[in-house]
Amino acid sequence: MRRVPWEDAGGRSVAEVAEVVRGGGVAVVPTDTLYGFTARFDAEAAVERVAALKGRDEQSPFLLLVSDLASLGRLAREWPPRTVLDQLWPGPVTVLCAGRPEIGARFLGARGTIAVRWPRAPVLVELLQAIAVPVLSTSVNRAGQPPLTDPAEIAAEFGPGIDLLADGGLRRGAPSAIVDVSRRPPVLLRPGPEPIDLNALERRWQRAEQTPESGVP
């Protein structure tokens, strides 16, 4: 396992992590919430490595990180109007929407939904842009155990199983909120670090339905 410092935007570590992940490797990086295992979503061997490290079965799908709204069309077959998504993203909010069947069982929930997040953290967005495809992201822990927040503990527990650890220091924080927008009105499945006004979200959706608008590119 290689270990690099997690630097500011434009730092060399972004290029190092991107190279590992683009090549089908598994990295651990600080996200906009906690540390996360990271692998490109279309690298099956890397996805299965993460599942094995966590001890995670196919009934618990992984979420996906994207760097912009345009990437959503590659993953989803249905999504809310753009003005609705603009109220949630970018930020620490994971959205459930109807997924494309071809993305695979590791990312599809029982109702055919996918979990997607467009983060706000500039360095993380820069990394996602450098990788240039959506990536798997999941907390760094064994199934049923609390997430690890200390790089030293992550290295001790998972070092032999990963290719690179981007060390951003101790990461205290809450997991992202989860909002199901595959249903109307939207449903908050898990609160996160920022409040979400579901009533305002539904009102915005209703206004969008009355006014034609361009969808996600």
Protein backbone atom coordinates (compact mmCIF):
# COMPACT_ATOMS: atom_id res chain seq x y z
CA MET A 1 0.00 0.00 0.00
CA ARG A 2 1.25 3.45 -0.96
CA ARG A 3 0.42 6.37 1.33
CA VAL A 4 0.23 9.98 0.10
CA PRO A 5 -0.88 13.23 1.75
CA TRP A 6 -4.31 14.57 0.78
CA GLU A 7 -3.41 18.01 -0.54
CA ASP A 8 -5.27 21.15 -1.62
CA ALA A 9 -6.80 21.38 -5.09
CA GLY A 10 -4.10 21.14 -7.74
CA GLY A 11 -1.84 19.05 -5.51
CA ARG A 12 0.17 16.11 -6.81
CA SER A 13 -1.74 13.57 -4.71
CA VAL A 14 -4.90 14.04 -6.81
CA ALA A 15 -3.02 12.90 -9.90
CA GLU A 16 -1.55 9.93 -7.99
CA VAL A 17 -4.91 8.76 -6.70
CA ALA A 18 -6.56 9.27 -10.09
CA GLU A 19 -3.87 7.18 -11.79
CA VAL A 20 -4.42 4.29 -9.36
CA VAL A 21 -8.21 4.35 -9.66
CA ARG A 22 -8.27 4.84 -13.45
CA GLY A 23 -6.01 1.79 -13.72
CA GLY A 24 -8.47 -0.42 -11.85
CA GLY A 25 -6.98 -0.07 -8.37
CA VAL A 26 -8.58 0.52 -4.98
CA ALA A 27 -7.83 3.68 -3.00
CA VAL A 28 -9.02 5.14 0.28
CA VAL A 29 -9.63 8.90 0.17
CA PRO A 30 -11.29 11.54 2.35
CA THR A 31 -14.75 12.33 0.97
CA ASP A 32 -17.08 15.20 1.83
CA THR A 33 -18.21 13.13 4.82
CA LEU A 34 -15.87 10.30 5.94
CA TYR A 35 -13.01 8.29 4.48
CA GLY A 36 -14.21 6.09 1.66
CA PHE A 37 -13.04 3.13 -0.38
CA THR A 38 -12.83 4.33 -3.97
CA ALA A 39 -12.84 2.38 -7.24
CA ARG A 40 -14.16 3.07 -10.72
CA PHE A 41 -17.66 1.68 -11.03
CA ASP A 42 -16.94 -0.17 -14.27
CA ALA A 43 -13.86 -2.03 -12.94
CA GLU A 44 -15.53 -5.25 -11.78
CA ALA A 45 -12.44 -6.72 -10.14
CA ALA A 46 -11.89 -3.56 -8.08
CA VAL A 47 -15.55 -3.43 -7.05
CA GLU A 48 -15.37 -7.03 -5.88
CA ARG A 49 -12.16 -6.31 -3.96
CA VAL A 50 -13.97 -3.58 -2.01
CA ALA A 51 -16.92 -5.90 -1.36
CA ALA A 52 -14.54 -8.56 -0.04
CA LEU A 53 -12.67 -6.09 2.16
CA LYS A 54 -15.92 -4.97 3.77
CA GLY A 55 -17.52 -8.43 3.85
CA ARG A 56 -20.50 -6.97 1.99
CA ASP A 57 -23.10 -9.00 0.10
CA GLU A 58 -24.98 -7.99 -3.05
CA GLN A 59 -28.08 -7.07 -1.06
CA SER A 60 -26.27 -3.91 0.11
CA PRO A 61 -25.51 -1.88 -3.03
CA PHE A 62 -22.69 0.66 -3.16
CA LEU A 63 -23.25 4.34 -3.77
CA LEU A 64 -21.66 6.24 -6.64
CA LEU A 65 -19.89 9.60 -6.71
CA VAL A 66 -20.11 11.87 -9.75
CA SER A 67 -18.37 15.14 -10.60
CA ASP A 68 -21.31 16.85 -12.30
CA LEU A 69 -24.94 16.45 -13.28
CA ALA A 70 -24.04 15.27 -16.78
CA SER A 71 -22.67 12.03 -15.32
CA LEU A 72 -26.06 11.16 -13.87
CA GLY A 73 -27.46 10.22 -17.27
CA ARG A 74 -24.87 7.47 -17.53
CA LEU A 75 -26.20 5.84 -14.37
CA ALA A 76 -29.89 6.68 -14.08
CA ARG A 77 -32.89 6.07 -16.32
CA GLU A 78 -35.11 8.56 -14.50
CA TRP A 79 -34.31 11.59 -12.36
CA PRO A 80 -35.98 14.71 -10.94
CA PRO A 81 -36.02 18.07 -12.73
CA ARG A 82 -32.73 19.89 -12.62
CA THR A 83 -34.04 22.59 -10.28
CA VAL A 84 -34.80 19.86 -7.72
CA LEU A 85 -31.31 18.41 -7.97
CA ASP A 86 -29.84 21.90 -7.72
CA GLN A 87 -31.39 22.19 -4.25
CA LEU A 88 -29.53 19.06 -3.10
CA TRP A 89 -26.24 19.11 -5.03
CA PRO A 90 -23.38 19.58 -4.81
CA GLY A 91 -23.20 18.61 -1.16
CA PRO A 92 -23.30 15.77 1.39
CA VAL A 93 -26.60 14.37 0.10
CA THR A 94 -27.00 10.94 -1.48
CA VAL A 95 -29.93 10.71 -3.88
CA LEU A 96 -31.84 7.52 -4.74
CA CYS A 97 -33.28 7.43 -8.25
CA ALA A 98 -34.18 4.81 -10.85
CA GLY A 99 -30.98 3.19 -12.12
CA ARG A 100 -30.00 1.73 -15.45
CA PRO A 101 -30.10 -2.09 -15.18
CA GLU A 102 -26.78 -2.46 -17.02
CA ILE A 103 -24.77 -0.84 -14.22
CA GLY A 104 -24.96 -4.13 -12.32
CA ALA A 105 -26.21 -5.71 -9.13
CA ARG A 106 -23.54 -4.12 -6.92
CA PHE A 107 -25.18 -0.72 -7.47
CA LEU A 108 -28.89 -1.52 -7.81
CA GLY A 109 -31.22 -1.65 -4.82
CA ALA A 110 -34.18 -3.98 -4.47
CA ARG A 111 -36.46 -1.44 -6.17
CA GLY A 112 -34.05 -0.85 -9.03
CA THR A 113 -32.71 2.36 -7.52
CA ILE A 114 -29.16 3.67 -7.44
CA ALA A 115 -27.54 5.88 -4.80
CA VAL A 116 -25.62 8.84 -6.25
CA ARG A 117 -23.86 11.86 -4.75
CA TRP A 118 -22.23 14.92 -6.29
CA PRO A 119 -19.93 16.15 -3.51
CA ARG A 120 -19.00 19.75 -2.80
CA ALA A 121 -15.41 19.33 -1.55
CA PRO A 122 -13.18 20.92 -4.24
CA VAL A 123 -10.32 18.40 -4.01
CA LEU A 124 -12.70 15.45 -4.22
CA VAL A 125 -14.46 16.95 -7.25
CA GLU A 126 -11.06 17.53 -8.87
CA LEU A 127 -10.24 13.87 -8.29
CA LEU A 128 -13.52 12.70 -9.80
CA GLN A 129 -12.94 14.89 -12.84
CA ALA A 130 -9.46 13.42 -13.25
CA ILE A 131 -10.77 9.84 -13.04
CA ALA A 132 -13.44 10.82 -15.60
CA VAL A 133 -15.93 8.06 -14.74
CA PRO A 134 -18.29 7.65 -11.76
CA VAL A 135 -16.69 5.88 -8.81
CA LEU A 136 -17.85 3.55 -6.09
CA SER A 137 -17.64 5.08 -2.63
CA THR A 138 -18.31 3.38 0.69
CA SER A 139 -17.21 3.94 4.27
CA VAL A 140 -13.99 2.28 5.42
CA ASN A 141 -15.08 -0.48 7.76
CA ARG A 142 -16.04 -4.13 7.98
CA ALA A 143 -19.75 -4.77 7.55
CA GLY A 144 -21.58 -4.00 10.78
CA GLN A 145 -18.65 -2.06 12.29
CA PRO A 146 -18.36 1.75 12.68
CA PRO A 147 -16.44 3.67 9.99
CA LEU A 148 -12.73 4.20 10.61
CA THR A 149 -11.75 7.87 10.80
CA ASP A 150 -8.03 7.65 11.65
CA PRO A 151 -5.58 7.00 8.78
CA ALA A 152 -3.34 4.95 11.09
CA GLU A 153 -6.24 2.63 11.93
CA ILE A 154 -7.21 2.37 8.26
CA ALA A 155 -3.65 1.44 7.30
CA ALA A 156 -3.46 -1.18 10.06
CA GLU A 157 -6.82 -2.74 9.21
CA PHE A 158 -6.90 -2.53 5.41
CA GLY A 159 -3.39 -1.66 4.24
CA PRO A 160 -2.61 -5.03 2.62
CA GLY A 161 -5.90 -4.97 0.70
CA ILE A 162 -5.71 -1.51 -0.89
CA ASP A 163 -3.34 0.13 -3.34
CA LEU A 164 -3.22 3.66 -1.97
CA LEU A 165 -4.28 5.66 1.09
CA ALA A 166 -4.68 9.43 0.76
CA ASP A 167 -4.01 10.69 4.27
CA GLY A 168 -6.17 13.68 5.17
CA GLY A 169 -5.72 13.38 8.92
CA LEU A 170 -8.42 12.50 11.40
CA ARG A 171 -11.87 12.80 9.77
CA ARG A 172 -14.69 13.28 12.22
CA GLY A 173 -18.07 13.72 10.61
CA ALA A 174 -21.49 12.34 9.83
CA PRO A 175 -22.48 10.18 6.87
CA SER A 176 -24.35 11.87 4.04
CA ALA A 177 -28.10 12.37 4.09
CA ILE A 178 -30.07 9.95 1.89
CA VAL A 179 -33.08 11.29 -0.02
CA ASP A 180 -35.25 8.98 -2.12
CA VAL A 181 -36.38 10.96 -5.16
CA SER A 182 -37.69 7.87 -6.94
CA ARG A 183 -40.90 8.48 -4.96
CA ARG A 184 -43.25 11.44 -4.67
CA PRO A 185 -43.09 13.28 -2.45
CA PRO A 186 -39.37 12.68 -1.80
CA VAL A 187 -38.54 10.70 1.35
CA LEU A 188 -35.67 11.36 3.76
CA LEU A 189 -34.22 7.94 4.56
CA ARG A 190 -31.30 9.20 6.63
CA PRO A 191 -30.55 12.68 8.00
CA GLY A 192 -27.12 14.11 7.27
CA PRO A 193 -24.87 16.97 8.29
CA GLU A 194 -27.12 19.59 6.64
CA PRO A 195 -30.90 20.07 7.01
CA ILE A 196 -33.18 19.17 4.09
CA ASP A 197 -36.60 20.73 3.62
CA LEU A 198 -38.64 18.02 1.90
CA ASN A 199 -41.69 20.25 1.58
CA ALA A 200 -39.66 22.90 -0.25
CA LEU A 201 -38.19 20.17 -2.45
CA GLU A 202 -41.65 18.92 -3.43
CA ARG A 203 -42.90 22.45 -4.11
CA ARG A 204 -39.95 23.07 -6.40
CA TRP A 205 -40.70 19.78 -8.19
CA GLN A 206 -44.32 20.81 -8.72
CA ARG A 207 -43.27 24.18 -10.15
CA ALA A 208 -40.83 22.45 -12.50
CA GLU A 209 -43.62 20.21 -13.79
CA GLN A 210 -45.66 23.29 -14.68
CA THR A 211 -42.76 24.97 -16.47
CA PRO A 212 -40.88 23.02 -19.16
CA GLU A 213 -37.17 22.95 -18.50
CA SER A 214 -34.12 21.26 -19.84
CA GLY A 215 -33.21 18.01 -18.11
CA VAL A 216 -29.86 16.74 -17.04
CA PRO A 217 -27.57 16.80 -20.11
